[in-house]
C-alpha atoms as a PDB file:
ATOM      1  CA  MET A   1      -1.215   4.345  23.149  1.00  0.00           C
ATOM      2  CA  PHE A   2       1.972   6.333  23.441  1.00  0.00           C
ATOM      3  CA  VAL A   3       5.733   5.691  23.286  1.00  0.00           C
ATOM      4  CA  THR A   4       8.506   6.641  25.694  1.00  0.00           C
ATOM      5  CA  LEU A   5      12.207   6.408  24.616  1.00  0.00           C
ATOM      6  CA  ASP A   6      14.845   6.454  27.326  1.00  0.00           C
ATOM      7  CA  VAL A   7      18.608   6.758  26.642  1.00  0.00           C
ATOM      8  CA  VAL A   8      20.605   6.332  29.883  1.00  0.00           C
ATOM      9  CA  LYS A   9      24.126   5.907  31.129  1.00  0.00           C
ATOM     10  CA  THR A  10      24.404   3.411  33.995  1.00  0.00           C
ATOM     11  CA  ARG A  11      26.780   3.765  36.899  1.00  0.00           C
ATOM     12  CA  ARG A  12      28.008   0.238  36.521  1.00  0.00           C
ATOM     13  CA  LEU A  13      28.145  -2.447  33.858  1.00  0.00           C
ATOM     14  CA  VAL A  14      24.979  -4.359  33.385  1.00  0.00           C
ATOM     15  CA  LEU A  15      25.741  -7.870  32.076  1.00  0.00           C
ATOM     16  CA  ARG A  16      22.460  -9.613  32.949  1.00  0.00           C
ATOM     17  CA  ALA A  17      19.237  -9.417  31.016  1.00  0.00           C
ATOM     18  CA  LEU A  18      16.905  -6.641  32.160  1.00  0.00           C
ATOM     19  CA  PRO A  19      13.256  -7.729  32.003  1.00  0.00           C
ATOM     20  CA  VAL A  20      10.939  -4.759  32.075  1.00  0.00           C
ATOM     21  CA  ASP A  21       7.453  -4.885  33.439  1.00  0.00           C
ATOM     22  CA  ALA A  22       5.078  -2.227  34.746  1.00  0.00           C
ATOM     23  CA  PRO A  23       1.266  -1.512  34.829  1.00  0.00           C
ATOM     24  CA  GLY A  24       0.059  -0.369  31.423  1.00  0.00           C
ATOM     25  CA  LEU A  25       3.218  -1.452  29.532  1.00  0.00           C
ATOM     26  CA  ARG A  26       2.323  -2.991  26.130  1.00  0.00           C
ATOM     27  CA  TYR A  27       5.853  -3.502  24.667  1.00  0.00           C
ATOM     28  CA  ALA A  28       9.421  -2.969  25.796  1.00  0.00           C
ATOM     29  CA  ARG A  29      12.835  -3.520  24.300  1.00  0.00           C
ATOM     30  CA  VAL A  30      16.303  -2.836  26.001  1.00  0.00           C
ATOM     31  CA  LEU A  31      19.204  -2.020  23.648  1.00  0.00           C
ATOM     32  CA  LEU A  32      22.893  -1.222  23.985  1.00  0.00           C
ATOM     33  CA  GLY A  33      23.873   2.168  22.641  1.00  0.00           C
ATOM     34  CA  GLY A  34      26.832   3.091  20.431  1.00  0.00           C
ATOM     35  CA  ALA A  35      29.941   4.378  22.185  1.00  0.00           C
ATOM     36  CA  GLY A  36      31.166   8.029  22.248  1.00  0.00           C
ATOM     37  CA  ASP A  37      29.905  11.446  23.200  1.00  0.00           C
ATOM     38  CA  GLU A  38      29.993  12.937  19.672  1.00  0.00           C
ATOM     39  CA  VAL A  39      26.354  12.014  19.022  1.00  0.00           C
ATOM     40  CA  HIS A  40      25.045  15.547  18.461  1.00  0.00           C
ATOM     41  CA  ARG A  41      25.586  17.900  15.550  1.00  0.00           C
ATOM     42  CA  PRO A  42      27.941  19.304  14.227  1.00  0.00           C
ATOM     43  CA  TRP A  43      29.845  16.279  13.076  1.00  0.00           C
ATOM     44  CA  PRO A  44      33.311  16.429  11.395  1.00  0.00           C
ATOM     45  CA  ASN A  45      33.800  14.465   8.231  1.00  0.00           C
ATOM     46  CA  ARG A  46      34.998  10.909   9.108  1.00  0.00           C
ATOM     47  CA  PRO A  47      36.596   8.089   7.084  1.00  0.00           C
ATOM     48  CA  THR A  48      34.149   5.556   5.762  1.00  0.00           C
ATOM     49  CA  THR A  49      36.523   2.549   5.787  1.00  0.00           C
ATOM     50  CA  LEU A  50      35.710  -0.558   7.863  1.00  0.00           C
ATOM     51  CA  ARG A  51      38.958  -0.106   9.785  1.00  0.00           C
ATOM     52  CA  TRP A  52      37.744   3.147  11.167  1.00  0.00           C
ATOM     53  CA  THR A  53      34.404   1.712  12.471  1.00  0.00           C
ATOM     54  CA  ALA A  54      35.744   0.433  15.779  1.00  0.00           C
ATOM     55  CA  ARG A  55      37.356   3.743  16.573  1.00  0.00           C
ATOM     56  CA  ARG A  56      34.280   5.883  16.025  1.00  0.00           C
ATOM     57  CA  ARG A  57      33.320   8.152  18.938  1.00  0.00           C
ATOM     58  CA  ASP A  58      30.052   9.409  17.350  1.00  0.00           C
ATOM     59  CA  GLY A  59      27.798   6.482  18.455  1.00  0.00           C
ATOM     60  CA  TRP A  60      28.242   4.583  15.183  1.00  0.00           C
ATOM     61  CA  GLY A  61      31.092   2.202  16.184  1.00  0.00           C
ATOM     62  CA  ARG A  62      31.252  -0.439  18.947  1.00  0.00           C
ATOM     63  CA  PRO A  63      28.627  -0.644  21.673  1.00  0.00           C
ATOM     64  CA  ASP A  64      28.969   1.091  25.093  1.00  0.00           C
ATOM     65  CA  PRO A  65      27.911  -1.415  27.766  1.00  0.00           C
ATOM     66  CA  ARG A  66      26.852   1.491  30.031  1.00  0.00           C
ATOM     67  CA  ARG A  67      24.624   3.272  27.464  1.00  0.00           C
ATOM     68  CA  LEU A  68      21.168   1.700  27.309  1.00  0.00           C
ATOM     69  CA  MET A  69      18.036   2.535  25.315  1.00  0.00           C
ATOM     70  CA  LEU A  70      14.621   1.550  26.525  1.00  0.00           C
ATOM     71  CA  LEU A  71      11.844   1.627  23.907  1.00  0.00           C
ATOM     72  CA  ALA A  72       8.440   1.235  25.479  1.00  0.00           C
ATOM     73  CA  CYS A  73       4.830   1.444  24.317  1.00  0.00           C
ATOM     74  CA  TRP A  74       2.154   2.209  26.935  1.00  0.00           C
ATOM     75  CA  GLN A  75      -1.686   2.297  27.274  1.00  0.00           C
ATOM     76  CA  ASP A  76      -3.028   5.778  27.130  1.00  0.00           C
ATOM     77  CA  ASP A  77      -3.868   5.903  30.881  1.00  0.00           C
ATOM     78  CA  ALA A  78      -0.474   4.546  31.980  1.00  0.00           C
ATOM     79  CA  LEU A  79       1.980   6.504  34.207  1.00  0.00           C
ATOM     80  CA  PRO A  80       5.464   5.413  33.146  1.00  0.00           C
ATOM     81  CA  LEU A  81       7.963   4.932  35.940  1.00  0.00           C
ATOM     82  CA  PRO A  82      11.374   6.613  35.694  1.00  0.00           C
ATOM     83  CA  ALA A  83      13.908   4.671  33.598  1.00  0.00           C
ATOM     84  CA  GLY A  84      16.051   3.754  36.505  1.00  0.00           C
ATOM     85  CA  GLU A  85      13.101   2.075  38.282  1.00  0.00           C
ATOM     86  CA  LEU A  86      11.960   0.295  35.105  1.00  0.00           C
ATOM     87  CA  LEU A  87      15.524  -1.025  34.458  1.00  0.00           C
ATOM     88  CA  GLY A  88      16.361  -1.593  38.141  1.00  0.00           C
ATOM     89  CA  VAL A  89      19.837  -0.074  37.904  1.00  0.00           C
ATOM     90  CA  PRO A  90      21.412   3.183  39.203  1.00  0.00           C
ATOM     91  CA  LEU A  91      21.847   5.780  36.482  1.00  0.00           C
ATOM     92  CA  ARG A  92      24.520   8.417  35.896  1.00  0.00           C
ATOM     93  CA  GLU A  93      22.633  10.206  33.110  1.00  0.00           C
ATOM     94  CA  ALA A  94      19.122   9.879  31.697  1.00  0.00           C
ATOM     95  CA  TRP A  95      17.108  11.315  28.820  1.00  0.00           C
ATOM     96  CA  ARG A  96      13.441  10.578  28.097  1.00  0.00           C
ATOM     97  CA  ALA A  97      11.146  11.564  25.168  1.00  0.00           C
ATOM     98  CA  ARG A  98       7.400  11.069  25.063  1.00  0.00           C
ATOM     99  CA  LEU A  99       6.399  10.322  21.529  1.00  0.00           C
ATOM    100  CA  GLU A 100       3.364   9.908  19.299  1.00  0.00           C
ATOM    101  CA  ARG A 101       3.348   7.091  16.811  1.00  0.00           C
ATOM    102  CA  LEU A 102       3.009   8.216  13.124  1.00  0.00           C
ATOM    103  CA  GLY A 103       3.414   4.823  11.472  1.00  0.00           C
ATOM    104  CA  SER A 104       5.708   1.867  10.996  1.00  0.00           C
ATOM    105  CA  HIS A 105       6.380  -1.026   8.655  1.00  0.00           C
ATOM    106  CA  GLY A 106       8.303  -4.306   8.769  1.00  0.00           C
ATOM    107  CA  THR A 107       8.706  -6.663  11.660  1.00  0.00           C
ATOM    108  CA  ILE A 108      10.702  -7.455  14.798  1.00  0.00           C
ATOM    109  CA  ASP A 109      10.770 -11.126  15.745  1.00  0.00           C
ATOM    110  CA  GLY A 110       8.024 -11.779  13.231  1.00  0.00           C
ATOM    111  CA  ALA A 111       5.594  -8.937  14.227  1.00  0.00           C
ATOM    112  CA  ASP A 112       5.281  -5.162  14.107  1.00  0.00           C
ATOM    113  CA  PRO A 113       4.870  -3.883  17.706  1.00  0.00           C
ATOM    114  CA  PHE A 114       3.151  -0.802  16.325  1.00  0.00           C
ATOM    115  CA  ALA A 115       0.965  -2.642  13.886  1.00  0.00           C
ATOM    116  CA  ASP A 116      -2.231  -0.874  14.969  1.00  0.00           C
ATOM    117  CA  THR A 117      -0.900   2.557  13.920  1.00  0.00           C
ATOM    118  CA  ALA A 118      -1.967   4.002  10.612  1.00  0.00           C
ATOM    119  CA  THR A 119       0.916   5.454   8.649  1.00  0.00           C
ATOM    120  CA  ASP A 120       0.595   9.300   8.692  1.00  0.00           C
ATOM    121  CA  ARG A 121       3.210  10.697   6.377  1.00  0.00           C
ATOM    122  CA  ALA A 122       1.390  14.035   6.143  1.00  0.00           C
ATOM    123  CA  GLY A 123       1.454  14.194   9.947  1.00  0.00           C
ATOM    124  CA  CYS A 124       5.368  14.304   9.802  1.00  0.00           C
ATOM    125  CA  ALA A 125       5.486  17.712   8.146  1.00  0.00           C
ATOM    126  CA  GLY A 126       6.928  20.389  10.415  1.00  0.00           C
ATOM    127  CA  ARG A 127       7.083  18.078  13.445  1.00  0.00           C
ATOM    128  CA  ARG A 128      10.107  17.293  15.475  1.00  0.00           C
ATOM    129  CA  GLY A 129      10.604  13.624  16.243  1.00  0.00           C
ATOM    130  CA  VAL A 130      12.595  10.386  16.168  1.00  0.00           C
ATOM    131  CA  THR A 131      13.096   7.647  13.624  1.00  0.00           C
ATOM    132  CA  LEU A 132      14.107   4.115  14.546  1.00  0.00           C
ATOM    133  CA  THR A 133      15.192   1.305  12.218  1.00  0.00           C
ATOM    134  CA  TYR A 134      15.931  -2.317  12.989  1.00  0.00           C
ATOM    135  CA  GLY A 135      17.628  -4.880  10.818  1.00  0.00           C
ATOM    136  CA  ASN A 136      18.482  -8.506  11.525  1.00  0.00           C
ATOM    137  CA  GLY A 137      21.399  -8.456   9.077  1.00  0.00           C
ATOM    138  CA  ASN A 138      22.951 -11.910   8.975  1.00  0.00           C
ATOM    139  CA  LYS A 139      23.868 -11.804   5.320  1.00  0.00           C
ATOM    140  CA  HIS A 140      26.407  -9.709   3.356  1.00  0.00           C
ATOM    141  CA  VAL A 141      27.673  -8.268   6.668  1.00  0.00           C
ATOM    142  CA  LEU A 142      30.716  -6.524   5.221  1.00  0.00           C
ATOM    143  CA  ASP A 143      28.744  -4.859   2.514  1.00  0.00           C
ATOM    144  CA  PHE A 144      26.148  -3.850   5.125  1.00  0.00           C
ATOM    145  CA  LEU A 145      28.852  -2.237   7.389  1.00  0.00           C
ATOM    146  CA  ARG A 146      30.557  -0.466   4.479  1.00  0.00           C
ATOM    147  CA  ARG A 147      27.263   0.925   3.152  1.00  0.00           C
ATOM    148  CA  THR A 148      26.209   1.992   6.654  1.00  0.00           C
ATOM    149  CA  ASN A 149      29.442   3.984   7.073  1.00  0.00           C
ATOM    150  CA  GLN A 150      28.814   5.783   3.836  1.00  0.00           C
ATOM    151  CA  VAL A 151      25.113   6.515   4.569  1.00  0.00           C
ATOM    152  CA  VAL A 152      25.960   7.721   8.099  1.00  0.00           C
ATOM    153  CA  GLU A 153      28.490  10.252   6.853  1.00  0.00           C
ATOM    154  CA  LYS A 154      25.986  11.594   4.324  1.00  0.00           C
ATOM    155  CA  THR A 155      23.184  11.692   6.818  1.00  0.00           C
ATOM    156  CA  HIS A 156      25.452  13.640   9.319  1.00  0.00           C
ATOM    157  CA  GLN A 157      25.470  16.512   6.754  1.00  0.00           C
ATOM    158  CA  THR A 158      21.626  16.507   6.449  1.00  0.00           C
ATOM    159  CA  PRO A 159      20.128  19.737   7.684  1.00  0.00           C
ATOM    160  CA  GLY A 160      17.824  19.077  10.577  1.00  0.00           C
ATOM    161  CA  LEU A 161      19.530  15.939  11.962  1.00  0.00           C
ATOM    162  CA  LEU A 162      20.050  16.787  15.695  1.00  0.00           C
ATOM    163  CA  ALA A 163      21.500  13.571  17.085  1.00  0.00           C
ATOM    164  CA  SER A 164      22.060   9.966  16.116  1.00  0.00           C
ATOM    165  CA  CYS A 165      23.717   6.744  16.954  1.00  0.00           C
ATOM    166  CA  ASN A 166      23.388   3.032  16.415  1.00  0.00           C
ATOM    167  CA  MET A 167      21.880   0.535  18.965  1.00  0.00           C
ATOM    168  CA  PHE A 168      22.649  -3.079  19.420  1.00  0.00           C
ATOM    169  CA  ASP A 169      20.150  -5.741  20.411  1.00  0.00           C
ATOM    170  CA  ARG A 170      21.267  -7.192  23.724  1.00  0.00           C
ATOM    171  CA  ARG A 171      20.244 -10.668  22.468  1.00  0.00           C
ATOM    172  CA  GLY A 172      22.636 -10.301  19.481  1.00  0.00           C
ATOM    173  CA  LYS A 173      19.737 -10.451  16.995  1.00  0.00           C
ATOM    174  CA  GLY A 174      20.064  -7.188  15.138  1.00  0.00           C
ATOM    175  CA  LEU A 175      21.270  -3.633  14.681  1.00  0.00           C
ATOM    176  CA  TRP A 176      19.112  -0.536  15.284  1.00  0.00           C
ATOM    177  CA  THR A 177      19.490   3.134  14.405  1.00  0.00           C
ATOM    178  CA  PHE A 178      18.229   6.058  16.465  1.00  0.00           C
ATOM    179  CA  SER A 179      17.962   9.566  14.928  1.00  0.00           C
ATOM    180  CA  CYS A 180      16.453  12.841  16.253  1.00  0.00           C
ATOM    181  CA  TRP A 181      15.066  15.238  13.627  1.00  0.00           C
ATOM    182  CA  ASP A 182      14.048  18.922  13.658  1.00  0.00           C
ATOM    183  CA  ASP A 183      11.490  18.274  10.924  1.00  0.00           C
ATOM    184  CA  LEU A 184      10.420  14.635  10.184  1.00  0.00           C
ATOM    185  CA  GLY A 185       8.734  15.461   6.946  1.00  0.00           C
ATOM    186  CA  ALA A 186      11.665  17.345   5.507  1.00  0.00           C
ATOM    187  CA  ALA A 187      14.085  14.677   6.703  1.00  0.00           C
ATOM    188  CA  MET A 188      12.078  11.880   4.947  1.00  0.00           C
ATOM    189  CA  LYS A 189      12.097  13.909   1.607  1.00  0.00           C
ATOM    190  CA  MET A 190      15.799  14.508   1.715  1.00  0.00           C
ATOM    191  CA  LEU A 191      16.763  10.943   2.683  1.00  0.00           C
ATOM    192  CA  TYR A 192      14.576   9.316   0.051  1.00  0.00           C
ATOM    193  CA  ALA A 193      15.930  11.752  -2.555  1.00  0.00           C
ATOM    194  CA  ASP A 194      19.511  10.529  -1.933  1.00  0.00           C
ATOM    195  CA  PRO A 195      20.336   7.729  -4.354  1.00  0.00           C
ATOM    196  CA  GLU A 196      22.759   5.841  -1.960  1.00  0.00           C
ATOM    197  CA  HIS A 197      20.296   5.944   0.916  1.00  0.00           C
ATOM    198  CA  ARG A 198      17.397   4.884  -1.342  1.00  0.00           C
ATOM    199  CA  GLN A 199      19.404   1.995  -2.649  1.00  0.00           C
ATOM    200  CA  ALA A 200      20.341   0.864   0.869  1.00  0.00           C
ATOM    201  CA  ILE A 201      16.669   0.972   1.829  1.00  0.00           C
ATOM    202  CA  GLY A 202      15.684  -1.082  -1.239  1.00  0.00           C
ATOM    203  CA  LEU A 203      18.280  -3.749  -0.469  1.00  0.00           C
ATOM    204  CA  ALA A 204      17.140  -4.059   3.132  1.00  0.00           C
ATOM    205  CA  ARG A 205      13.474  -4.343   2.121  1.00  0.00           C
ATOM    206  CA  ASP A 206      14.271  -6.970  -0.387  1.00  0.00           C
ATOM    207  CA  GLY A 207      15.994  -9.104   2.255  1.00  0.00           C
ATOM    208  CA  PHE A 208      19.519  -8.734   0.919  1.00  0.00           C
ATOM    209  CA  TYR A 209      21.041  -8.282   4.437  1.00  0.00           C
ATOM    210  CA  GLY A 210      18.659 -10.547   6.418  1.00  0.00           C
ATOM    211  CA  ALA A 211      15.300 -11.769   7.058  1.00  0.00           C
ATOM    212  CA  GLU A 212      13.795  -8.800   8.894  1.00  0.00           C
ATOM    213  CA  MET A 213      13.764  -4.986   8.968  1.00  0.00           C
ATOM    214  CA  TRP A 214      11.461  -2.462  10.732  1.00  0.00           C
ATOM    215  CA  PHE A 215      11.076   1.331  10.641  1.00  0.00           C
ATOM    216  CA  THR A 216       9.006   3.742  12.593  1.00  0.00           C
ATOM    217  CA  ARG A 217       8.439   7.539  12.763  1.00  0.00           C
ATOM    218  CA  LEU A 218       7.655   8.996  16.160  1.00  0.00           C
ATOM    219  CA  ALA A 219       6.618  12.665  16.721  1.00  0.00           C
ATOM    220  CA  LEU A 220       7.909  14.486  19.742  1.00  0.00           C
ATOM    221  CA  VAL A 221       5.462  15.359  22.507  1.00  0.00           C
ATOM    222  CA  ASP A 222       8.142  16.432  25.064  1.00  0.00           C
ATOM    223  CA  SER A 223      11.652  15.524  26.273  1.00  0.00           C
ATOM    224  CA  HIS A 224      13.769  16.108  29.293  1.00  0.00           C
ATOM    225  CA  GLY A 225      17.304  15.077  30.590  1.00  0.00           C
ATOM    226  CA  THR A 226      20.426  14.704  28.525  1.00  0.00           C
ATOM    227  CA  ILE A 227      22.240  12.321  26.191  1.00  0.00           C
ATOM    228  CA  ALA A 228      26.012  12.907  26.407  1.00  0.00           C
ATOM    229  CA  GLY A 229      25.368  16.224  28.206  1.00  0.00           C
ATOM    230  CA  ARG A 230      22.644  17.566  25.890  1.00  0.00           C
ATOM    231  CA  ASP A 231      18.927  17.276  25.079  1.00  0.00           C
ATOM    232  CA  PRO A 232      18.788  16.958  21.317  1.00  0.00           C
ATOM    233  CA  PHE A 233      15.497  18.952  21.290  1.00  0.00           C
ATOM    234  CA  ALA A 234      16.501  21.680  23.777  1.00  0.00           C
ATOM    235  CA  ALA A 235      17.340  24.339  21.194  1.00  0.00           C
ATOM    236  CA  PRO A 236      14.587  26.397  19.814  1.00  0.00           C
ATOM    237  CA  ARG A 237      13.506  25.515  16.263  1.00  0.00           C
ATOM    238  CA  SER A 238      15.184  28.622  14.823  1.00  0.00           C
ATOM    239  CA  LEU A 239      18.503  27.639  16.451  1.00  0.00           C
ATOM    240  CA  ALA A 240      18.375  23.847  15.921  1.00  0.00           C
ATOM    241  CA  HIS A 241      20.588  23.744  12.846  1.00  0.00           C
ATOM    242  CA  GLU A 242      23.206  26.050  14.220  1.00  0.00           C
ATOM    243  CA  THR A 243      26.562  24.643  15.270  1.00  0.00           C
ATOM    244  CA  ASN A 244      27.606  24.947  18.891  1.00  0.00           C
END
């Protein structure tokens, strides 16, 4: 099986549910993306106060009802339709990545959609890719938001982070994060070495913020299109950390 990840901007507001079905589709989830076009590096330093959260334009504040993410898992022989056809809405901008599953842990709605994938941490080394996290945080919400702001600002300064934003479950059942990395292996080492980030992960795994969490690593196969005007993986590896 393989994964596609679409991030799109629709031409109009989509207020109804978007059921997704297609031949060879094993799993699909439609999410709302965070607002703002400052989702690519470089990022200026931002305040970490809760008051600032709603005004963020880097994808880590309020949701944008026209920015959607479609996470889909397909059988190996499937031919994925374009995102506009899958979602049934006209698009103003679209980006798609085809990804290889490297492992996951945790649950979404009681199950891991990638449960049949063996975790391959060694396979992360030197590979570009995406990390996704999900948390159904219905406890200690203010602490969760405060800690998220602090971790986001630190992560923005991490070498190799190419783009990131949060994603909101359209059913109101959790918060997701989406991050594009120049080297998944190096990113994991740096993030787990940071005490604040490691503490936040430990609290989430222990259920401090809610009943569920989920995390997956996905290696890039190819990508095309743009998010806020750019493909996060378009720059050559030697230039990926340079500011534009």
